[in-house]
Amino acid sequence: MELPAVNLKAIVFIHWLLTIFSCMIEWVPNAYYLANLTVLALGVWAIAQRDSSDAIFMFFIGLVATIVTDILLFALFFSPLELKYENTSFRDLFRFSSGMAILSLIFKPMSCFFCYHMYRERGGECNVNLGFINPGRDRNTYQSIDHLDAPAEQDKAPVRSY
């Protein structure tokens, strides 16, 4: 099954729009704004550097990190601020803003999937090295240098008679 062609510009634009809509009212700490805008800047870098696997990988890692931070920030700040805005004139704006932030969070795993696919297309490799986990080496392909084979007869120089 082949993946549909998704433009990186469309991914960055959708997340930019949803981030702007989610920032219409101050209901999450500045960490949400800074994290998402930093990831958007990495997305612009990935658009500008079309051949760079590093740029798209950084954008991918940023999206994964903001998934985690968004979940934590929503879990910590949504309920108390929902009660705060419930009886004010900003209730509808709070609901719209938080809905756009949740929609952005829903789209992020799908964006990560497409970004990882773009990373692989740009020549990136997925080598995970945790440092302490070292896979055993396959020594079957090594040539032993303990003993040397005798050179074949055809490789020898002819004996000259004088």
C-alpha atoms as a PDB file:
ATOM      1  CA  MET A   1       0.000   0.000   0.000  1.00  0.00           C
ATOM      2  CA  GLU A   2       1.424   3.345  -1.013  1.00  0.00           C
ATOM      3  CA  LEU A   3       1.115   6.405   1.180  1.00  0.00           C
ATOM      4  CA  PRO A   4      -0.720   9.408  -0.191  1.00  0.00           C
ATOM      5  CA  ALA A   5       1.463  12.318  -1.187  1.00  0.00           C
ATOM      6  CA  VAL A   6       1.245  14.838   1.629  1.00  0.00           C
ATOM      7  CA  ASN A   7       3.032  18.122   1.265  1.00  0.00           C
ATOM      8  CA  LEU A   8       5.157  19.250   4.200  1.00  0.00           C
ATOM      9  CA  LYS A   9       3.890  22.782   3.643  1.00  0.00           C
ATOM     10  CA  ALA A  10       0.329  21.575   4.260  1.00  0.00           C
ATOM     11  CA  ILE A  11       1.345  19.871   7.508  1.00  0.00           C
ATOM     12  CA  VAL A  12       3.131  22.973   8.785  1.00  0.00           C
ATOM     13  CA  PHE A  13       0.286  25.255   7.691  1.00  0.00           C
ATOM     14  CA  ILE A  14      -2.384  23.142   9.420  1.00  0.00           C
ATOM     15  CA  HIS A  15      -0.410  23.038  12.666  1.00  0.00           C
ATOM     16  CA  TRP A  16       0.328  26.752  12.435  1.00  0.00           C
ATOM     17  CA  LEU A  17      -3.363  27.561  11.975  1.00  0.00           C
ATOM     18  CA  LEU A  18      -4.437  25.297  14.822  1.00  0.00           C
ATOM     19  CA  THR A  19      -1.729  26.718  17.084  1.00  0.00           C
ATOM     20  CA  ILE A  20      -2.834  30.278  16.330  1.00  0.00           C
ATOM     21  CA  PHE A  21      -6.451  29.376  17.064  1.00  0.00           C
ATOM     22  CA  SER A  22      -5.476  27.625  20.294  1.00  0.00           C
ATOM     23  CA  CYS A  23      -3.532  30.701  21.441  1.00  0.00           C
ATOM     24  CA  MET A  24      -6.496  33.075  21.091  1.00  0.00           C
ATOM     25  CA  ILE A  25      -7.051  33.032  24.832  1.00  0.00           C
ATOM     26  CA  GLU A  26      -4.490  32.450  27.532  1.00  0.00           C
ATOM     27  CA  TRP A  27      -5.467  29.141  29.033  1.00  0.00           C
ATOM     28  CA  VAL A  28      -2.226  27.143  29.001  1.00  0.00           C
ATOM     29  CA  PRO A  29       1.204  28.268  30.181  1.00  0.00           C
ATOM     30  CA  ASN A  30       3.783  29.784  27.875  1.00  0.00           C
ATOM     31  CA  ALA A  31       5.434  26.373  27.478  1.00  0.00           C
ATOM     32  CA  TYR A  32       2.647  25.373  25.085  1.00  0.00           C
ATOM     33  CA  TYR A  33       3.175  28.422  22.880  1.00  0.00           C
ATOM     34  CA  LEU A  34       6.950  28.190  22.924  1.00  0.00           C
ATOM     35  CA  ALA A  35       7.054  24.462  22.203  1.00  0.00           C
ATOM     36  CA  ASN A  36       4.581  24.592  19.327  1.00  0.00           C
ATOM     37  CA  LEU A  37       6.062  27.694  17.728  1.00  0.00           C
ATOM     38  CA  THR A  38       9.552  26.193  17.976  1.00  0.00           C
ATOM     39  CA  VAL A  39       8.317  23.058  16.218  1.00  0.00           C
ATOM     40  CA  LEU A  40       6.722  25.216  13.543  1.00  0.00           C
ATOM     41  CA  ALA A  41      10.073  26.968  13.052  1.00  0.00           C
ATOM     42  CA  LEU A  42      11.684  23.538  12.616  1.00  0.00           C
ATOM     43  CA  GLY A  43       8.984  22.766  10.062  1.00  0.00           C
ATOM     44  CA  VAL A  44       9.844  25.905   8.111  1.00  0.00           C
ATOM     45  CA  TRP A  45      13.494  24.825   8.209  1.00  0.00           C
ATOM     46  CA  ALA A  46      12.496  21.384   6.871  1.00  0.00           C
ATOM     47  CA  ILE A  47      10.589  23.090   4.038  1.00  0.00           C
ATOM     48  CA  ALA A  48      13.551  25.331   3.176  1.00  0.00           C
ATOM     49  CA  GLN A  49      16.082  22.467   3.259  1.00  0.00           C
ATOM     50  CA  ARG A  50      14.386  20.031   0.890  1.00  0.00           C
ATOM     51  CA  ASP A  51      17.280  17.572   0.779  1.00  0.00           C
ATOM     52  CA  SER A  52      18.232  17.656   4.453  1.00  0.00           C
ATOM     53  CA  SER A  53      17.277  14.607   6.454  1.00  0.00           C
ATOM     54  CA  ASP A  54      18.378  16.411   9.630  1.00  0.00           C
ATOM     55  CA  ALA A  55      15.772  19.146   9.242  1.00  0.00           C
ATOM     56  CA  ILE A  56      12.855  16.759   8.782  1.00  0.00           C
ATOM     57  CA  PHE A  57      14.154  14.550  11.608  1.00  0.00           C
ATOM     58  CA  MET A  58      14.284  17.509  13.985  1.00  0.00           C
ATOM     59  CA  PHE A  59      10.730  18.445  12.979  1.00  0.00           C
ATOM     60  CA  PHE A  60       9.657  14.850  13.599  1.00  0.00           C
ATOM     61  CA  ILE A  61      11.298  14.744  17.046  1.00  0.00           C
ATOM     62  CA  GLY A  62       9.750  18.126  17.881  1.00  0.00           C
ATOM     63  CA  LEU A  63       6.297  16.838  16.982  1.00  0.00           C
ATOM     64  CA  VAL A  64       6.793  13.784  19.183  1.00  0.00           C
ATOM     65  CA  ALA A  65       7.972  15.962  22.075  1.00  0.00           C
ATOM     66  CA  THR A  66       5.021  18.320  21.748  1.00  0.00           C
ATOM     67  CA  ILE A  67       2.610  15.388  21.798  1.00  0.00           C
ATOM     68  CA  VAL A  68       3.929  14.507  25.260  1.00  0.00           C
ATOM     69  CA  THR A  69       4.023  18.089  26.536  1.00  0.00           C
ATOM     70  CA  ASP A  70       0.579  18.903  25.153  1.00  0.00           C
ATOM     71  CA  ILE A  71      -0.939  15.911  26.939  1.00  0.00           C
ATOM     72  CA  LEU A  72       0.707  16.939  30.199  1.00  0.00           C
ATOM     73  CA  LEU A  73      -0.321  20.582  29.902  1.00  0.00           C
ATOM     74  CA  PHE A  74      -3.912  19.731  28.998  1.00  0.00           C
ATOM     75  CA  ALA A  75      -4.143  17.291  31.896  1.00  0.00           C
ATOM     76  CA  LEU A  76      -2.815  19.843  34.361  1.00  0.00           C
ATOM     77  CA  PHE A  77      -4.488  23.051  33.208  1.00  0.00           C
ATOM     78  CA  PHE A  78      -7.704  22.237  31.355  1.00  0.00           C
ATOM     79  CA  SER A  79     -10.054  21.399  34.215  1.00  0.00           C
ATOM     80  CA  PRO A  80      -9.252  24.328  36.558  1.00  0.00           C
ATOM     81  CA  LEU A  81      -9.418  26.857  33.728  1.00  0.00           C
ATOM     82  CA  GLU A  82     -12.649  25.366  32.414  1.00  0.00           C
ATOM     83  CA  LEU A  83     -14.198  26.157  35.775  1.00  0.00           C
ATOM     84  CA  LYS A  84     -12.665  29.633  35.703  1.00  0.00           C
ATOM     85  CA  TYR A  85     -14.133  30.513  32.291  1.00  0.00           C
ATOM     86  CA  GLU A  86     -17.472  28.734  32.780  1.00  0.00           C
ATOM     87  CA  ASN A  87     -19.454  31.756  33.977  1.00  0.00           C
ATOM     88  CA  THR A  88     -17.674  34.465  32.008  1.00  0.00           C
ATOM     89  CA  SER A  89     -18.132  35.964  28.590  1.00  0.00           C
ATOM     90  CA  PHE A  90     -14.987  34.108  27.409  1.00  0.00           C
ATOM     91  CA  ARG A  91     -16.590  30.661  27.833  1.00  0.00           C
ATOM     92  CA  ASP A  92     -17.169  30.130  24.111  1.00  0.00           C
ATOM     93  CA  LEU A  93     -13.738  31.466  23.199  1.00  0.00           C
ATOM     94  CA  PHE A  94     -12.175  29.104  25.747  1.00  0.00           C
ATOM     95  CA  ARG A  95     -14.064  26.152  24.266  1.00  0.00           C
ATOM     96  CA  PHE A  96     -13.053  27.092  20.726  1.00  0.00           C
ATOM     97  CA  SER A  97      -9.419  27.638  21.685  1.00  0.00           C
ATOM     98  CA  SER A  98      -9.142  24.420  23.677  1.00  0.00           C
ATOM     99  CA  GLY A  99     -10.942  22.518  20.912  1.00  0.00           C
ATOM    100  CA  MET A 100      -8.401  23.706  18.347  1.00  0.00           C
ATOM    101  CA  ALA A 101      -5.561  22.675  20.669  1.00  0.00           C
ATOM    102  CA  ILE A 102      -7.089  19.227  21.092  1.00  0.00           C
ATOM    103  CA  LEU A 103      -7.613  18.951  17.320  1.00  0.00           C
ATOM    104  CA  SER A 104      -3.952  19.841  16.818  1.00  0.00           C
ATOM    105  CA  LEU A 105      -3.009  17.123  19.292  1.00  0.00           C
ATOM    106  CA  ILE A 106      -5.153  14.617  17.385  1.00  0.00           C
ATOM    107  CA  PHE A 107      -3.448  15.499  14.075  1.00  0.00           C
ATOM    108  CA  LYS A 108       0.098  15.290  15.455  1.00  0.00           C
ATOM    109  CA  PRO A 109       0.517  11.475  15.373  1.00  0.00           C
ATOM    110  CA  MET A 110      -0.634  11.427  11.757  1.00  0.00           C
ATOM    111  CA  SER A 111       1.791  14.258  10.976  1.00  0.00           C
ATOM    112  CA  CYS A 112       4.564  12.282  12.694  1.00  0.00           C
ATOM    113  CA  PHE A 113       3.785   9.305  10.490  1.00  0.00           C
ATOM    114  CA  PHE A 114       4.058  11.378   7.310  1.00  0.00           C
ATOM    115  CA  CYS A 115       7.185  13.176   8.543  1.00  0.00           C
ATOM    116  CA  TYR A 116       8.872   9.866   9.304  1.00  0.00           C
ATOM    117  CA  HIS A 117       8.029   8.691   5.803  1.00  0.00           C
ATOM    118  CA  MET A 118       9.537  11.912   4.372  1.00  0.00           C
ATOM    119  CA  TYR A 119      12.605  11.379   6.556  1.00  0.00           C
ATOM    120  CA  ARG A 120      13.101   7.933   5.045  1.00  0.00           C
ATOM    121  CA  GLU A 121      12.595   9.342   1.531  1.00  0.00           C
ATOM    122  CA  ARG A 122      15.294  11.937   2.155  1.00  0.00           C
ATOM    123  CA  GLY A 123      17.788   9.227   2.976  1.00  0.00           C
ATOM    124  CA  GLY A 124      17.476   9.091   6.735  1.00  0.00           C
ATOM    125  CA  GLU A 125      18.153   5.873   8.572  1.00  0.00           C
ATOM    126  CA  CYS A 126      16.598   4.720  11.780  1.00  0.00           C
ATOM    127  CA  ASN A 127      19.581   3.620  13.852  1.00  0.00           C
ATOM    128  CA  VAL A 128      18.706   3.438  17.514  1.00  0.00           C
ATOM    129  CA  ASN A 129      21.750   3.147  19.763  1.00  0.00           C
ATOM    130  CA  LEU A 130      21.023   3.399  23.461  1.00  0.00           C
ATOM    131  CA  GLY A 131      24.674   3.044  24.409  1.00  0.00           C
ATOM    132  CA  PHE A 132      24.402   0.345  27.044  1.00  0.00           C
ATOM    133  CA  ILE A 133      22.527  -2.051  24.751  1.00  0.00           C
ATOM    134  CA  ASN A 134      25.095  -3.286  22.298  1.00  0.00           C
ATOM    135  CA  PRO A 135      24.078  -6.012  19.871  1.00  0.00           C
ATOM    136  CA  GLY A 136      26.522  -8.892  19.526  1.00  0.00           C
ATOM    137  CA  ARG A 137      28.814  -8.809  16.553  1.00  0.00           C
ATOM    138  CA  ASP A 138      28.435 -11.366  13.828  1.00  0.00           C
ATOM    139  CA  ARG A 139      31.958 -12.685  13.494  1.00  0.00           C
ATOM    140  CA  ASN A 140      31.148 -15.229  10.772  1.00  0.00           C
ATOM    141  CA  THR A 141      31.913 -12.740   8.020  1.00  0.00           C
ATOM    142  CA  TYR A 142      35.401 -11.891   9.314  1.00  0.00           C
ATOM    143  CA  GLN A 143      38.465 -13.442   7.731  1.00  0.00           C
ATOM    144  CA  SER A 144      40.897 -14.986  10.083  1.00  0.00           C
ATOM    145  CA  ILE A 145      44.478 -13.682   9.949  1.00  0.00           C
ATOM    146  CA  ASP A 146      45.866 -16.443  12.159  1.00  0.00           C
ATOM    147  CA  HIS A 147      46.874 -18.635   9.235  1.00  0.00           C
ATOM    148  CA  LEU A 148      47.600 -17.657   5.697  1.00  0.00           C
ATOM    149  CA  ASP A 149      46.709 -19.870   2.795  1.00  0.00           C
ATOM    150  CA  ALA A 150      49.600 -20.919   0.602  1.00  0.00           C
ATOM    151  CA  PRO A 151      49.633 -18.981  -2.658  1.00  0.00           C
ATOM    152  CA  ALA A 152      48.301 -20.851  -5.627  1.00  0.00           C
ATOM    153  CA  GLU A 153      50.723 -22.259  -8.226  1.00  0.00           C
ATOM    154  CA  GLN A 154      49.556 -19.910 -11.002  1.00  0.00           C
ATOM    155  CA  ASP A 155      50.269 -16.879  -8.835  1.00  0.00           C
ATOM    156  CA  LYS A 156      53.924 -17.804  -8.411  1.00  0.00           C
ATOM    157  CA  ALA A 157      56.530 -16.214 -10.613  1.00  0.00           C
ATOM    158  CA  PRO A 158      58.149 -18.595 -13.103  1.00  0.00           C
ATOM    159  CA  VAL A 159      61.514 -19.984 -12.149  1.00  0.00           C
ATOM    160  CA  ARG A 160      64.286 -18.634 -14.351  1.00  0.00           C
ATOM    161  CA  SER A 161      67.181 -20.765 -15.427  1.00  0.00           C
ATOM    162  CA  TYR A 162      70.489 -19.088 -16.155  1.00  0.00           C
END
